[in-house]
Amino acid sequence: MPFQLPAGTNLSSPQIKLLSDWTDAFTEMNAENIGKHMHKDFRRLVYPRSLGQPEQSKEDALKELSEFLGFLTGIEVGYT
């Protein structure tokens, strides 16, 4: 069953715009659609810290996301 928004939802709200851009980013395989909504001081931390993953800046996180999206384009579906 498809998801439906409640009646009277403001479709021009910042939250709806963010979700729309997030969906478009994965549909178009374009991380910049997500990056424009990230704060300039964005940082990504991986927990538990004992994993030894370094802190990432916005640029690092977008680069990693771009690589991930590029990987997804390389996946081919087979039909049997």
PDB file of N, CA and C in Angstrom:
ATOM      1  N   MET A   1       0.838  -1.165   0.000  1.00  0.00           N
ATOM      2  CA  MET A   1       0.000   0.000   0.000  1.00  0.00           C
ATOM      3  C   MET A   1       0.895   1.244   0.000  1.00  0.00           C
ATOM      4  N   PRO A   2       0.669   2.185  -0.911  1.00  0.00           N
ATOM      5  CA  PRO A   2       1.499   3.397  -0.953  1.00  0.00           C
ATOM      6  C   PRO A   2       1.228   4.287   0.256  1.00  0.00           C
ATOM      7  N   PHE A   3       2.273   4.999   0.660  1.00  0.00           N
ATOM      8  CA  PHE A   3       2.159   5.926   1.789  1.00  0.00           C
ATOM      9  C   PHE A   3       1.383   7.158   1.357  1.00  0.00           C
ATOM     10  N   GLN A   4       0.492   7.627   2.217  1.00  0.00           N
ATOM     11  CA  GLN A   4      -0.269   8.837   1.925  1.00  0.00           C
ATOM     12  C   GLN A   4      -0.091   9.833   3.053  1.00  0.00           C
ATOM     13  N   LEU A   5       0.113  11.090   2.694  1.00  0.00           N
ATOM     14  CA  LEU A   5       0.218  12.146   3.688  1.00  0.00           C
ATOM     15  C   LEU A   5      -1.174  12.499   4.196  1.00  0.00           C
ATOM     16  N   PRO A   6      -1.266  12.943   5.438  1.00  0.00           N
ATOM     17  CA  PRO A   6      -2.573  13.348   5.974  1.00  0.00           C
ATOM     18  C   PRO A   6      -3.150  14.519   5.178  1.00  0.00           C
ATOM     19  N   ALA A   7      -4.464  14.584   5.126  1.00  0.00           N
ATOM     20  CA  ALA A   7      -5.138  15.693   4.440  1.00  0.00           C
ATOM     21  C   ALA A   7      -4.732  17.002   5.099  1.00  0.00           C
ATOM     22  N   GLY A   8      -4.524  18.019   4.311  1.00  0.00           N
ATOM     23  CA  GLY A   8      -4.155  19.325   4.829  1.00  0.00           C
ATOM     24  C   GLY A   8      -2.667  19.503   5.066  1.00  0.00           C
ATOM     25  N   THR A   9      -1.841  18.555   4.632  1.00  0.00           N
ATOM     26  CA  THR A   9      -0.395  18.670   4.805  1.00  0.00           C
ATOM     27  C   THR A   9       0.141  19.792   3.921  1.00  0.00           C
ATOM     28  N   ASN A  10       0.982  20.636   4.504  1.00  0.00           N
ATOM     29  CA  ASN A  10       1.595  21.731   3.751  1.00  0.00           C
ATOM     30  C   ASN A  10       2.715  21.158   2.892  1.00  0.00           C
ATOM     31  N   LEU A  11       2.472  21.005   1.604  1.00  0.00           N
ATOM     32  CA  LEU A  11       3.447  20.388   0.706  1.00  0.00           C
ATOM     33  C   LEU A  11       4.622  21.297   0.362  1.00  0.00           C
ATOM     34  N   SER A  12       4.566  22.547   0.802  1.00  0.00           N
ATOM     35  CA  SER A  12       5.694  23.452   0.549  1.00  0.00           C
ATOM     36  C   SER A  12       6.534  23.669   1.808  1.00  0.00           C
ATOM     37  N   SER A  13       6.336  22.849   2.832  1.00  0.00           N
ATOM     38  CA  SER A  13       7.088  23.004   4.075  1.00  0.00           C
ATOM     39  C   SER A  13       8.551  22.591   3.864  1.00  0.00           C
ATOM     40  N   PRO A  14       9.463  23.115   4.681  1.00  0.00           N
ATOM     41  CA  PRO A  14      10.879  22.735   4.561  1.00  0.00           C
ATOM     42  C   PRO A  14      11.095  21.237   4.768  1.00  0.00           C
ATOM     43  N   GLN A  15      10.293  20.621   5.634  1.00  0.00           N
ATOM     44  CA  GLN A  15      10.450  19.195   5.894  1.00  0.00           C
ATOM     45  C   GLN A  15      10.080  18.362   4.667  1.00  0.00           C
ATOM     46  N   ILE A  16       9.006  18.728   4.001  1.00  0.00           N
ATOM     47  CA  ILE A  16       8.583  18.008   2.796  1.00  0.00           C
ATOM     48  C   ILE A  16       9.607  18.237   1.690  1.00  0.00           C
ATOM     49  N   LYS A  17      10.138  19.467   1.574  1.00  0.00           N
ATOM     50  CA  LYS A  17      11.166  19.777   0.580  1.00  0.00           C
ATOM     51  C   LYS A  17      12.412  18.923   0.822  1.00  0.00           C
ATOM     52  N   LEU A  18      12.811  18.784   2.085  1.00  0.00           N
ATOM     53  CA  LEU A  18      13.970  17.967   2.422  1.00  0.00           C
ATOM     54  C   LEU A  18      13.749  16.509   2.011  1.00  0.00           C
ATOM     55  N   LEU A  19      12.605  15.954   2.349  1.00  0.00           N
ATOM     56  CA  LEU A  19      12.316  14.566   1.984  1.00  0.00           C
ATOM     57  C   LEU A  19      12.248  14.381   0.474  1.00  0.00           C
ATOM     58  N   SER A  20      11.692  15.359  -0.219  1.00  0.00           N
ATOM     59  CA  SER A  20      11.620  15.296  -1.670  1.00  0.00           C
ATOM     60  C   SER A  20      13.017  15.323  -2.292  1.00  0.00           C
ATOM     61  N   ASP A  21      13.875  16.212  -1.788  1.00  0.00           N
ATOM     62  CA  ASP A  21      15.246  16.284  -2.305  1.00  0.00           C
ATOM     63  C   ASP A  21      16.032  15.022  -1.980  1.00  0.00           C
ATOM     64  N   TRP A  22      15.809  14.442  -0.799  1.00  0.00           N
ATOM     65  CA  TRP A  22      16.481  13.197  -0.408  1.00  0.00           C
ATOM     66  C   TRP A  22      16.093  12.080  -1.378  1.00  0.00           C
ATOM     67  N   THR A  23      14.795  11.979  -1.672  1.00  0.00           N
ATOM     68  CA  THR A  23      14.318  10.965  -2.614  1.00  0.00           C
ATOM     69  C   THR A  23      14.894  11.203  -3.998  1.00  0.00           C
ATOM     70  N   ASP A  24      14.897  12.467  -4.439  1.00  0.00           N
ATOM     71  CA  ASP A  24      15.461  12.804  -5.752  1.00  0.00           C
ATOM     72  C   ASP A  24      16.944  12.467  -5.823  1.00  0.00           C
ATOM     73  N   ALA A  25      17.664  12.693  -4.727  1.00  0.00           N
ATOM     74  CA  ALA A  25      19.100  12.401  -4.705  1.00  0.00           C
ATOM     75  C   ALA A  25      19.362  10.934  -4.988  1.00  0.00           C
ATOM     76  N   PHE A  26      18.579  10.051  -4.398  1.00  0.00           N
ATOM     77  CA  PHE A  26      18.787   8.629  -4.616  1.00  0.00           C
ATOM     78  C   PHE A  26      18.229   8.187  -5.965  1.00  0.00           C
ATOM     79  N   THR A  27      17.175   8.827  -6.426  1.00  0.00           N
ATOM     80  CA  THR A  27      16.630   8.509  -7.746  1.00  0.00           C
ATOM     81  C   THR A  27      17.606   8.923  -8.843  1.00  0.00           C
ATOM     82  N   GLU A  28      18.168  10.132  -8.703  1.00  0.00           N
ATOM     83  CA  GLU A  28      19.092  10.677  -9.701  1.00  0.00           C
ATOM     84  C   GLU A  28      20.549  10.301  -9.430  1.00  0.00           C
ATOM     85  N   MET A  29      20.799   9.643  -8.289  1.00  0.00           N
ATOM     86  CA  MET A  29      22.164   9.291  -7.864  1.00  0.00           C
ATOM     87  C   MET A  29      23.033  10.547  -7.772  1.00  0.00           C
ATOM     88  N   ASN A  30      22.524  11.601  -7.114  1.00  0.00           N
ATOM     89  CA  ASN A  30      23.203  12.889  -7.007  1.00  0.00           C
ATOM     90  C   ASN A  30      23.263  13.318  -5.540  1.00  0.00           C
ATOM     91  N   ALA A  31      24.430  13.206  -4.932  1.00  0.00           N
ATOM     92  CA  ALA A  31      24.600  13.544  -3.519  1.00  0.00           C
ATOM     93  C   ALA A  31      24.480  15.041  -3.251  1.00  0.00           C
ATOM     94  N   GLU A  32      24.669  15.873  -4.245  1.00  0.00           N
ATOM     95  CA  GLU A  32      24.585  17.321  -4.039  1.00  0.00           C
ATOM     96  C   GLU A  32      23.178  17.755  -3.627  1.00  0.00           C
ATOM     97  N   ASN A  33      22.145  16.994  -4.019  1.00  0.00           N
ATOM     98  CA  ASN A  33      20.786  17.321  -3.584  1.00  0.00           C
ATOM     99  C   ASN A  33      20.664  17.216  -2.068  1.00  0.00           C
ATOM    100  N   ILE A  34      21.417  16.313  -1.473  1.00  0.00           N
ATOM    101  CA  ILE A  34      21.413  16.182  -0.021  1.00  0.00           C
ATOM    102  C   ILE A  34      22.347  17.220   0.588  1.00  0.00           C
ATOM    103  N   GLY A  35      23.485  17.453  -0.036  1.00  0.00           N
ATOM    104  CA  GLY A  35      24.484  18.377   0.484  1.00  0.00           C
ATOM    105  C   GLY A  35      23.983  19.791   0.668  1.00  0.00           C
ATOM    106  N   LYS A  36      23.067  20.219  -0.165  1.00  0.00           N
ATOM    107  CA  LYS A  36      22.587  21.596  -0.039  1.00  0.00           C
ATOM    108  C   LYS A  36      21.747  21.796   1.220  1.00  0.00           C
ATOM    109  N   HIS A  37      21.304  20.715   1.840  1.00  0.00           N
ATOM    110  CA  HIS A  37      20.535  20.814   3.075  1.00  0.00           C
ATOM    111  C   HIS A  37      21.391  20.588   4.319  1.00  0.00           C
ATOM    112  N   MET A  38      22.652  20.226   4.133  1.00  0.00           N
ATOM    113  CA  MET A  38      23.525  19.974   5.270  1.00  0.00           C
ATOM    114  C   MET A  38      24.140  21.281   5.768  1.00  0.00           C
ATOM    115  N   HIS A  39      24.267  21.421   7.068  1.00  0.00           N
ATOM    116  CA  HIS A  39      24.862  22.617   7.657  1.00  0.00           C
ATOM    117  C   HIS A  39      26.338  22.704   7.277  1.00  0.00           C
ATOM    118  N   LYS A  40      26.851  23.920   7.167  1.00  0.00           N
ATOM    119  CA  LYS A  40      28.252  24.098   6.764  1.00  0.00           C
ATOM    120  C   LYS A  40      29.214  23.476   7.767  1.00  0.00           C
ATOM    121  N   ASP A  41      28.804  23.352   9.022  1.00  0.00           N
ATOM    122  CA  ASP A  41      29.650  22.753  10.054  1.00  0.00           C
ATOM    123  C   ASP A  41      29.297  21.287  10.317  1.00  0.00           C
ATOM    124  N   PHE A  42      28.623  20.649   9.375  1.00  0.00           N
ATOM    125  CA  PHE A  42      28.212  19.252   9.532  1.00  0.00           C
ATOM    126  C   PHE A  42      29.425  18.382   9.844  1.00  0.00           C
ATOM    127  N   ARG A  43      29.241  17.447  10.744  1.00  0.00           N
ATOM    128  CA  ARG A  43      30.269  16.442  10.989  1.00  0.00           C
ATOM    129  C   ARG A  43      29.580  15.129  11.300  1.00  0.00           C
ATOM    130  N   ARG A  44      30.206  14.047  10.872  1.00  0.00           N
ATOM    131  CA  ARG A  44      29.644  12.711  11.044  1.00  0.00           C
ATOM    132  C   ARG A  44      30.568  11.904  11.939  1.00  0.00           C
ATOM    133  N   LEU A  45      29.990  11.332  12.982  1.00  0.00           N
ATOM    134  CA  LEU A  45      30.738  10.487  13.906  1.00  0.00           C
ATOM    135  C   LEU A  45      30.147   9.088  13.860  1.00  0.00           C
ATOM    136  N   VAL A  46      31.008   8.077  13.819  1.00  0.00           N
ATOM    137  CA  VAL A  46      30.552   6.694  13.824  1.00  0.00           C
ATOM    138  C   VAL A  46      30.715   6.145  15.238  1.00  0.00           C
ATOM    139  N   TYR A  47      29.634   5.583  15.760  1.00  0.00           N
ATOM    140  CA  TYR A  47      29.662   4.958  17.081  1.00  0.00           C
ATOM    141  C   TYR A  47      29.478   3.468  16.942  1.00  0.00           C
ATOM    142  N   PRO A  48      30.074   2.639  17.765  1.00  0.00           N
ATOM    143  CA  PRO A  48      30.935   3.015  18.878  1.00  0.00           C
ATOM    144  C   PRO A  48      32.283   3.535  18.385  1.00  0.00           C
ATOM    145  N   ARG A  49      32.836   4.464  19.127  1.00  0.00           N
ATOM    146  CA  ARG A  49      34.098   5.090  18.757  1.00  0.00           C
ATOM    147  C   ARG A  49      35.230   4.073  18.709  1.00  0.00           C
ATOM    148  N   SER A  50      35.060   2.936  19.412  1.00  0.00           N
ATOM    149  CA  SER A  50      36.099   1.906  19.433  1.00  0.00           C
ATOM    150  C   SER A  50      36.332   1.294  18.051  1.00  0.00           C
ATOM    151  N   LEU A  51      35.430   1.559  17.091  1.00  0.00           N
ATOM    152  CA  LEU A  51      35.629   1.061  15.725  1.00  0.00           C
ATOM    153  C   LEU A  51      36.770   1.790  15.028  1.00  0.00           C
ATOM    154  N   GLY A  52      37.146   2.945  15.571  1.00  0.00           N
ATOM    155  CA  GLY A  52      38.287   3.675  15.024  1.00  0.00           C
ATOM    156  C   GLY A  52      37.982   4.461  13.761  1.00  0.00           C
ATOM    157  N   GLN A  53      36.705   4.684  13.457  1.00  0.00           N
ATOM    158  CA  GLN A  53      36.345   5.471  12.277  1.00  0.00           C
ATOM    159  C   GLN A  53      36.594   6.948  12.547  1.00  0.00           C
ATOM    160  N   PRO A  54      37.265   7.654  11.632  1.00  0.00           N
ATOM    161  CA  PRO A  54      37.540   9.076  11.868  1.00  0.00           C
ATOM    162  C   PRO A  54      36.280   9.922  11.702  1.00  0.00           C
ATOM    163  N   GLU A  55      36.302  11.075  12.343  1.00  0.00           N
ATOM    164  CA  GLU A  55      35.224  12.041  12.173  1.00  0.00           C
ATOM    165  C   GLU A  55      35.249  12.544  10.731  1.00  0.00           C
ATOM    166  N   GLN A  56      34.072  12.749  10.142  1.00  0.00           N
ATOM    167  CA  GLN A  56      33.996  13.228   8.759  1.00  0.00           C
ATOM    168  C   GLN A  56      33.382  14.618   8.707  1.00  0.00           C
ATOM    169  N   SER A  57      33.933  15.450   7.843  1.00  0.00           N
ATOM    170  CA  SER A  57      33.347  16.761   7.580  1.00  0.00           C
ATOM    171  C   SER A  57      32.232  16.588   6.557  1.00  0.00           C
ATOM    172  N   LYS A  58      31.553  17.672   6.268  1.00  0.00           N
ATOM    173  CA  LYS A  58      30.491  17.650   5.257  1.00  0.00           C
ATOM    174  C   LYS A  58      31.046  17.176   3.918  1.00  0.00           C
ATOM    175  N   GLU A  59      32.199  17.704   3.527  1.00  0.00           N
ATOM    176  CA  GLU A  59      32.788  17.342   2.237  1.00  0.00           C
ATOM    177  C   GLU A  59      33.155  15.862   2.188  1.00  0.00           C
ATOM    178  N   ASP A  60      33.723  15.360   3.293  1.00  0.00           N
ATOM    179  CA  ASP A  60      34.091  13.942   3.352  1.00  0.00           C
ATOM    180  C   ASP A  60      32.856  13.039   3.281  1.00  0.00           C
ATOM    181  N   ALA A  61      31.807  13.429   4.009  1.00  0.00           N
ATOM    182  CA  ALA A  61      30.585  12.628   4.030  1.00  0.00           C
ATOM    183  C   ALA A  61      29.927  12.619   2.648  1.00  0.00           C
ATOM    184  N   LEU A  62      29.918  13.767   1.970  1.00  0.00           N
ATOM    185  CA  LEU A  62      29.329  13.828   0.625  1.00  0.00           C
ATOM    186  C   LEU A  62      30.161  13.022  -0.373  1.00  0.00           C
ATOM    187  N   LYS A  63      31.463  13.046  -0.210  1.00  0.00           N
ATOM    188  CA  LYS A  63      32.325  12.249  -1.095  1.00  0.00           C
ATOM    189  C   LYS A  63      32.025  10.765  -0.916  1.00  0.00           C
ATOM    190  N   GLU A  64      31.903  10.337   0.337  1.00  0.00           N
ATOM    191  CA  GLU A  64      31.594   8.932   0.610  1.00  0.00           C
ATOM    192  C   GLU A  64      30.213   8.563   0.060  1.00  0.00           C
ATOM    193  N   LEU A  65      29.237   9.462   0.228  1.00  0.00           N
ATOM    194  CA  LEU A  65      27.901   9.198  -0.300  1.00  0.00           C
ATOM    195  C   LEU A  65      27.929   9.128  -1.821  1.00  0.00           C
ATOM    196  N   SER A  66      28.695  10.000  -2.467  1.00  0.00           N
ATOM    197  CA  SER A  66      28.821   9.972  -3.929  1.00  0.00           C
ATOM    198  C   SER A  66      29.416   8.653  -4.401  1.00  0.00           C
ATOM    199  N   GLU A  67      30.424   8.169  -3.671  1.00  0.00           N
ATOM    200  CA  GLU A  67      31.027   6.883  -4.023  1.00  0.00           C
ATOM    201  C   GLU A  67      30.011   5.749  -3.863  1.00  0.00           C
ATOM    202  N   PHE A  68      29.213   5.813  -2.789  1.00  0.00           N
ATOM    203  CA  PHE A  68      28.196   4.797  -2.554  1.00  0.00           C
ATOM    204  C   PHE A  68      27.151   4.823  -3.674  1.00  0.00           C
ATOM    205  N   LEU A  69      26.712   6.015  -4.049  1.00  0.00           N
ATOM    206  CA  LEU A  69      25.728   6.122  -5.131  1.00  0.00           C
ATOM    207  C   LEU A  69      26.321   5.636  -6.445  1.00  0.00           C
ATOM    208  N   GLY A  70      27.605   5.898  -6.672  1.00  0.00           N
ATOM    209  CA  GLY A  70      28.275   5.390  -7.862  1.00  0.00           C
ATOM    210  C   GLY A  70      28.323   3.875  -7.871  1.00  0.00           C
ATOM    211  N   PHE A  71      28.529   3.286  -6.692  1.00  0.00           N
ATOM    212  CA  PHE A  71      28.524   1.829  -6.568  1.00  0.00           C
ATOM    213  C   PHE A  71      27.151   1.269  -6.933  1.00  0.00           C
ATOM    214  N   LEU A  72      26.102   1.954  -6.502  1.00  0.00           N
ATOM    215  CA  LEU A  72      24.746   1.475  -6.795  1.00  0.00           C
ATOM    216  C   LEU A  72      24.441   1.465  -8.287  1.00  0.00           C
ATOM    217  N   THR A  73      25.028   2.393  -9.031  1.00  0.00           N
ATOM    218  CA  THR A  73      24.771   2.427 -10.470  1.00  0.00           C
ATOM    219  C   THR A  73      25.427   1.252 -11.176  1.00  0.00           C
ATOM    220  N   GLY A  74      26.426   0.648 -10.530  1.00  0.00           N
ATOM    221  CA  GLY A  74      27.117  -0.487 -11.121  1.00  0.00           C
ATOM    222  C   GLY A  74      26.414  -1.817 -10.906  1.00  0.00           C
ATOM    223  N   ILE A  75      25.367  -1.822 -10.105  1.00  0.00           N
ATOM    224  CA  ILE A  75      24.632  -3.056  -9.821  1.00  0.00           C
ATOM    225  C   ILE A  75      23.632  -3.303 -10.952  1.00  0.00           C
ATOM    226  N   GLU A  76      23.715  -4.451 -11.548  1.00  0.00           N
ATOM    227  CA  GLU A  76      22.779  -4.800 -12.605  1.00  0.00           C
ATOM    228  C   GLU A  76      21.826  -5.873 -12.118  1.00  0.00           C
ATOM    229  N   VAL A  77      20.610  -5.769 -12.565  1.00  0.00           N
ATOM    230  CA  VAL A  77      19.589  -6.744 -12.169  1.00  0.00           C
ATOM    231  C   VAL A  77      19.437  -7.752 -13.286  1.00  0.00           C
ATOM    232  N   GLY A  78      19.433  -9.006 -12.925  1.00  0.00           N
ATOM    233  CA  GLY A  78      19.216 -10.057 -13.911  1.00  0.00           C
ATOM    234  C   GLY A  78      17.819 -10.622 -13.827  1.00  0.00           C
ATOM    235  N   TYR A  79      17.298 -11.044 -14.917  1.00  0.00           N
ATOM    236  CA  TYR A  79      15.967 -11.633 -14.952  1.00  0.00           C
ATOM    237  C   TYR A  79      16.098 -13.097 -15.351  1.00  0.00           C
ATOM    238  N   THR A  80      15.389 -13.949 -14.645  1.00  0.00           N
ATOM    239  CA  THR A  80      15.432 -15.373 -14.984  1.00  0.00           C
ATOM    240  C   THR A  80      14.069 -15.848 -15.408  1.00  0.00           C
TER     241      THR A  80
END
